[in-house]
Structures are given as structure tokens and as C-alpha cells.
Amino acid sequence: LIKSNIDALDHLESPVRHHAGTGAALERPRALRPEVSLLPHQVSGVARLQHLFKASPEHCRGVLLADDMGLGKTLQLLTFITWAFECD
């Protein structure tokens, strides 16, 4: 849903905060090779993505995965995508 909000406020959404990742458990995809190990911050990141995915679209319509370069965002995203495909 995209609306113009330049001239007047015609819509308002309250921000929804999701505190996941700290207590959410990672659901490791079956297709992830056993020799691939995720670091603790990657496990937390993927668990958070999984939690938000399960809450969508009612409670979460987007997420930003960001940190310093070289901390494994690509591996986290590929792990999450693989898990999402297996959920079907």
C-alpha cells in the first residue's frame, strides 16, 4: 500500500515493535548443509527474521537487516530464504 503523504497527512500507522531474536529459537532449514555453522549474532538475526515473517503481514510489513560489513548478512538472508521455501 503506497499513499502520498506530501501535502497532508492522509494516513497514519503506529509503529509496531517486535522484540524477537533475543528469545526466539532458530528453526534451522533442512537444506542447510550440516558443516555450515552460524555465529551467535547470525543465529539471532535469522531467528528474528523468522519471527517477523510469521508475524507478517498483520504485525510486520518489512524489516531491514543491517550491520557492519563482513558479519554475514548474505548467509543470514540465504538461510532465511531457504527456511521460508521449506515452510510451504
Protein backbone atom coordinates (compact mmCIF):
# COMPACT_ATOMS: atom_id res chain seq x y z
CA LEU A 1 0.00 0.00 0.00
CA ILE A 2 1.61 3.25 -1.13
CA LYS A 3 0.00 6.58 -0.42
CA SER A 4 1.16 10.11 -0.96
CA ASN A 5 1.86 11.92 2.27
CA ILE A 6 3.40 15.16 0.98
CA ASP A 7 0.64 17.77 1.21
CA ALA A 8 -1.47 16.40 4.03
CA LEU A 9 -1.42 13.53 6.46
CA ASP A 10 -3.97 11.17 4.95
CA HIS A 11 -2.85 8.02 6.70
CA LEU A 12 -1.12 7.14 9.89
CA GLU A 13 0.36 3.89 11.07
CA SER A 14 1.54 3.26 14.57
CA PRO A 15 5.00 1.74 14.74
CA VAL A 16 4.92 -1.82 15.99
CA ARG A 17 7.92 -3.01 17.90
CA HIS A 18 8.91 -6.66 17.84
CA HIS A 19 11.39 -7.78 20.42
CA ALA A 20 12.45 -11.05 18.86
CA GLY A 21 15.77 -12.67 18.33
CA THR A 22 16.77 -12.44 21.97
CA GLY A 23 14.49 -15.29 23.00
CA ALA A 24 13.34 -16.69 19.66
CA ALA A 25 14.87 -20.02 18.67
CA LEU A 26 16.33 -20.57 15.23
CA GLU A 27 14.47 -23.03 13.04
CA ARG A 28 17.38 -24.39 11.05
CA PRO A 29 16.44 -25.20 7.43
CA ARG A 30 16.81 -28.85 6.48
CA ALA A 31 18.63 -27.88 3.27
CA LEU A 32 21.38 -26.01 5.15
CA ARG A 33 24.43 -28.22 4.97
CA PRO A 34 25.49 -29.65 8.34
CA GLU A 35 29.01 -28.24 8.05
CA VAL A 36 27.63 -24.70 7.80
CA SER A 37 27.64 -23.16 11.24
CA LEU A 38 26.17 -19.78 12.05
CA LEU A 39 27.79 -17.46 14.56
CA PRO A 40 25.69 -16.40 17.56
CA HIS A 41 24.79 -13.00 16.08
CA GLN A 42 23.76 -14.74 12.83
CA VAL A 43 21.55 -17.22 14.70
CA SER A 44 19.89 -14.27 16.44
CA GLY A 45 19.44 -12.43 13.13
CA VAL A 46 17.86 -15.39 11.33
CA ALA A 47 15.62 -16.16 14.33
CA ARG A 48 14.44 -12.54 14.28
CA LEU A 49 13.69 -12.71 10.54
CA GLN A 50 11.75 -15.93 11.06
CA HIS A 51 9.74 -14.40 13.90
CA LEU A 52 8.88 -11.29 11.87
CA PHE A 53 7.97 -13.41 8.85
CA LYS A 54 5.49 -15.36 10.97
CA ALA A 55 4.01 -12.05 12.22
CA SER A 56 3.53 -10.69 8.71
CA PRO A 57 1.59 -9.07 7.19
CA GLU A 58 -0.67 -8.12 10.11
CA HIS A 59 2.08 -7.07 12.52
CA CYS A 60 5.11 -6.63 10.32
CA ARG A 61 5.28 -5.48 6.71
CA GLY A 62 9.01 -5.10 6.36
CA VAL A 63 12.37 -5.40 8.03
CA LEU A 64 15.87 -4.07 7.49
CA LEU A 65 18.85 -6.35 8.05
CA ALA A 66 21.89 -4.15 8.57
CA ASP A 67 25.21 -4.20 10.40
CA ASP A 68 28.90 -3.70 9.65
CA MET A 69 30.39 -5.21 6.52
CA GLY A 70 31.64 -8.76 6.77
CA LEU A 71 29.34 -10.03 9.53
CA GLY A 72 27.40 -12.48 7.36
CA LYS A 73 24.18 -10.80 6.25
CA THR A 74 24.27 -12.77 2.99
CA LEU A 75 24.48 -16.08 4.85
CA GLN A 76 21.65 -14.99 7.17
CA LEU A 77 19.45 -13.99 4.26
CA LEU A 78 20.12 -17.18 2.29
CA THR A 79 19.40 -19.24 5.41
CA PHE A 80 16.15 -17.35 5.93
CA ILE A 81 15.08 -17.71 2.27
CA THR A 82 15.79 -21.44 2.36
CA TRP A 83 13.73 -21.77 5.55
CA ALA A 84 10.86 -19.75 4.01
CA PHE A 85 10.76 -22.03 0.96
CA GLU A 86 10.66 -25.07 3.23
CA CYS A 87 7.68 -23.61 5.13
CA ASP A 88 5.38 -24.04 2.10
